[in-house]
Amino acid sequence: MTDETIAIAGDHAGLELKNALAEQLRGMGFSVLDLGTNTGDSVDYPDFADKLADALKTGPARRGVLVCGTGIGISIAANRHRHLRAALCHNATDARLSRQHNDANVLVLGARTLGAEVAADCLKTFLATEFEGGRHQPRVSKMS
């Protein structure tokens, strides 16, 4: 069991995958801060990227997960916030490298482009991988 809280949010297209990932997080022992959406009604993904950005800026979470149809729109919206390093990942290798080389603090997934098993693998890998620092640190520092 961990005492870490992971914030999670997504739009209507990402609802089903967001809910599955939230359950996976709970099963892994994380506390989950679910920022919505919680219905299938059409919503605007930038609003949910903003909610997650606020949660990471003020606490209680220091890492997060965002989901929309492709992951593209919500990752663009998230990366407008300088304290977020949101990585759109399509496989576990992307997730691992986003952590090792970029110190990504937000995993972004596309509900319409990934299967549930691949998304679950991305999440597990993202959370288990540490930032390497070293030669990567100066680059990451320029982004924040």
Protein backbone atom coordinates (compact mmCIF):
# COMPACT_ATOMS: atom_id res chain seq x y z
CA MET A 1 0.00 0.00 0.00
CA THR A 2 1.23 3.46 -0.86
CA ASP A 3 0.13 6.78 0.51
CA GLU A 4 0.50 8.45 -2.90
CA THR A 5 -2.51 10.01 -4.56
CA ILE A 6 -2.80 9.90 -8.33
CA ALA A 7 -5.13 12.41 -10.01
CA ILE A 8 -7.07 11.14 -13.01
CA ALA A 9 -9.36 12.94 -15.45
CA GLY A 10 -10.75 12.62 -18.94
CA ASP A 11 -13.45 13.70 -21.30
CA HIS A 12 -16.53 11.75 -22.39
CA ALA A 13 -14.56 9.72 -24.95
CA GLY A 14 -12.15 8.61 -22.24
CA LEU A 15 -14.73 7.85 -19.56
CA GLU A 16 -14.70 4.06 -19.76
CA LEU A 17 -10.90 3.81 -19.90
CA LYS A 18 -10.50 6.43 -17.14
CA ASN A 19 -12.75 4.40 -14.86
CA ALA A 20 -10.85 1.18 -15.61
CA LEU A 21 -7.52 2.86 -14.90
CA ALA A 22 -8.85 4.32 -11.65
CA GLU A 23 -9.77 0.80 -10.54
CA GLN A 24 -6.32 -0.43 -11.55
CA LEU A 25 -4.74 2.33 -9.47
CA ARG A 26 -6.81 1.40 -6.44
CA GLY A 27 -5.84 -2.23 -6.92
CA MET A 28 -2.18 -1.15 -6.92
CA GLY A 29 -2.71 0.58 -3.57
CA PHE A 30 -2.87 4.20 -4.74
CA SER A 31 -5.42 6.73 -3.60
CA VAL A 32 -7.31 8.11 -6.59
CA LEU A 33 -8.45 11.69 -7.03
CA ASP A 34 -11.06 11.34 -9.80
CA LEU A 35 -11.61 14.75 -11.37
CA GLY A 36 -14.23 13.57 -13.87
CA THR A 37 -15.95 13.51 -16.18
CA ASN A 38 -18.30 10.94 -14.73
CA THR A 39 -20.98 10.84 -17.43
CA GLY A 40 -21.05 10.19 -21.15
CA ASP A 41 -22.31 13.70 -21.84
CA SER A 42 -20.11 15.70 -24.20
CA VAL A 43 -17.56 17.87 -22.37
CA ASP A 44 -14.47 19.88 -23.30
CA TYR A 45 -11.15 18.13 -22.61
CA PRO A 46 -9.21 21.36 -21.82
CA ASP A 47 -11.39 21.81 -18.73
CA PHE A 48 -10.25 18.44 -17.39
CA ALA A 49 -6.59 19.08 -18.18
CA ASP A 50 -6.96 22.31 -16.19
CA LYS A 51 -8.52 20.48 -13.24
CA LEU A 52 -5.65 18.01 -13.18
CA ALA A 53 -3.11 20.85 -13.46
CA ASP A 54 -4.68 22.52 -10.42
CA ALA A 55 -4.57 19.26 -8.46
CA LEU A 56 -0.88 18.79 -9.20
CA LYS A 57 -0.04 22.39 -8.42
CA THR A 58 -1.84 22.61 -5.09
CA GLY A 59 -1.89 18.95 -4.04
CA PRO A 60 -2.74 16.35 -3.01
CA ALA A 61 -1.38 14.63 -6.14
CA ARG A 62 2.06 14.91 -7.67
CA ARG A 63 1.36 12.64 -10.67
CA GLY A 64 -1.66 12.21 -12.90
CA VAL A 65 -3.37 10.43 -15.77
CA LEU A 66 -5.40 12.06 -18.54
CA VAL A 67 -7.59 10.31 -21.11
CA CYS A 68 -9.46 11.57 -24.17
CA GLY A 69 -10.35 10.00 -27.51
CA THR A 70 -6.86 10.13 -29.02
CA GLY A 71 -4.93 11.68 -26.16
CA ILE A 72 -3.72 14.42 -28.48
CA GLY A 73 -6.04 17.26 -27.50
CA ILE A 74 -5.83 16.71 -23.78
CA SER A 75 -2.02 16.42 -23.90
CA ILE A 76 -1.80 19.74 -25.76
CA ALA A 77 -4.07 21.35 -23.17
CA ALA A 78 -2.09 19.85 -20.27
CA ASN A 79 1.29 20.96 -21.56
CA ARG A 80 0.16 24.59 -21.55
CA HIS A 81 0.80 24.38 -17.79
CA ARG A 82 4.54 24.73 -17.12
CA HIS A 83 4.49 22.44 -14.07
CA LEU A 84 3.08 19.56 -16.13
CA ARG A 85 5.12 17.29 -18.32
CA ALA A 86 2.35 15.30 -19.97
CA ALA A 87 3.44 12.42 -22.19
CA LEU A 88 1.11 10.86 -24.73
CA CYS A 89 2.08 7.19 -24.69
CA HIS A 90 1.09 4.40 -27.06
CA ASN A 91 2.98 1.54 -25.43
CA ALA A 92 5.04 0.61 -22.38
CA THR A 93 8.27 1.73 -24.04
CA ASP A 94 6.87 5.24 -24.49
CA ALA A 95 5.74 5.23 -20.85
CA ARG A 96 9.14 4.03 -19.58
CA LEU A 97 11.13 6.53 -21.61
CA SER A 98 8.79 9.41 -20.74
CA ARG A 99 9.71 8.82 -17.11
CA GLN A 100 13.40 7.94 -17.52
CA HIS A 101 14.33 10.76 -19.90
CA ASN A 102 11.63 13.42 -19.49
CA ASP A 103 10.49 13.03 -15.87
CA ALA A 104 6.90 13.09 -17.14
CA ASN A 105 4.45 13.60 -14.29
CA VAL A 106 1.29 13.03 -16.34
CA LEU A 107 0.53 9.96 -18.42
CA VAL A 108 -1.81 10.65 -21.35
CA LEU A 109 -3.68 7.88 -23.14
CA GLY A 110 -6.07 7.73 -26.08
CA ALA A 111 -9.18 5.69 -25.39
CA ARG A 112 -9.95 5.26 -29.09
CA THR A 113 -6.40 4.37 -30.06
CA LEU A 114 -5.31 1.90 -27.36
CA GLY A 115 -6.73 -1.32 -26.07
CA ALA A 116 -7.41 -1.65 -22.36
CA GLU A 117 -4.50 -4.08 -21.84
CA VAL A 118 -1.97 -1.78 -23.49
CA ALA A 119 -3.28 1.18 -21.49
CA ALA A 120 -3.00 -0.82 -18.25
CA ASP A 121 0.57 -1.80 -19.14
CA CYS A 122 1.43 1.84 -19.87
CA LEU A 123 0.07 2.88 -16.48
CA LYS A 124 1.94 0.17 -14.59
CA THR A 125 5.20 0.99 -16.37
CA PHE A 126 4.79 4.75 -15.94
CA LEU A 127 4.28 4.44 -12.20
CA ALA A 128 7.11 1.96 -11.69
CA THR A 129 9.78 3.89 -13.61
CA GLU A 130 12.06 6.48 -12.01
CA PHE A 131 13.61 9.53 -13.66
CA GLU A 132 17.27 8.90 -14.55
CA GLY A 133 18.35 12.50 -14.01
CA GLY A 134 21.96 13.03 -15.07
CA ARG A 135 22.27 14.24 -18.66
CA HIS A 136 18.46 14.55 -18.86
CA GLN A 137 18.09 16.96 -15.92
CA PRO A 138 19.20 20.16 -17.70
CA ARG A 139 16.64 19.57 -20.46
CA VAL A 140 13.85 18.86 -18.02
CA SER A 141 14.78 21.96 -16.01
CA LYS A 142 14.33 24.10 -19.12
CA MET A 143 10.71 22.97 -19.37
CA SER A 144 9.62 23.91 -15.88
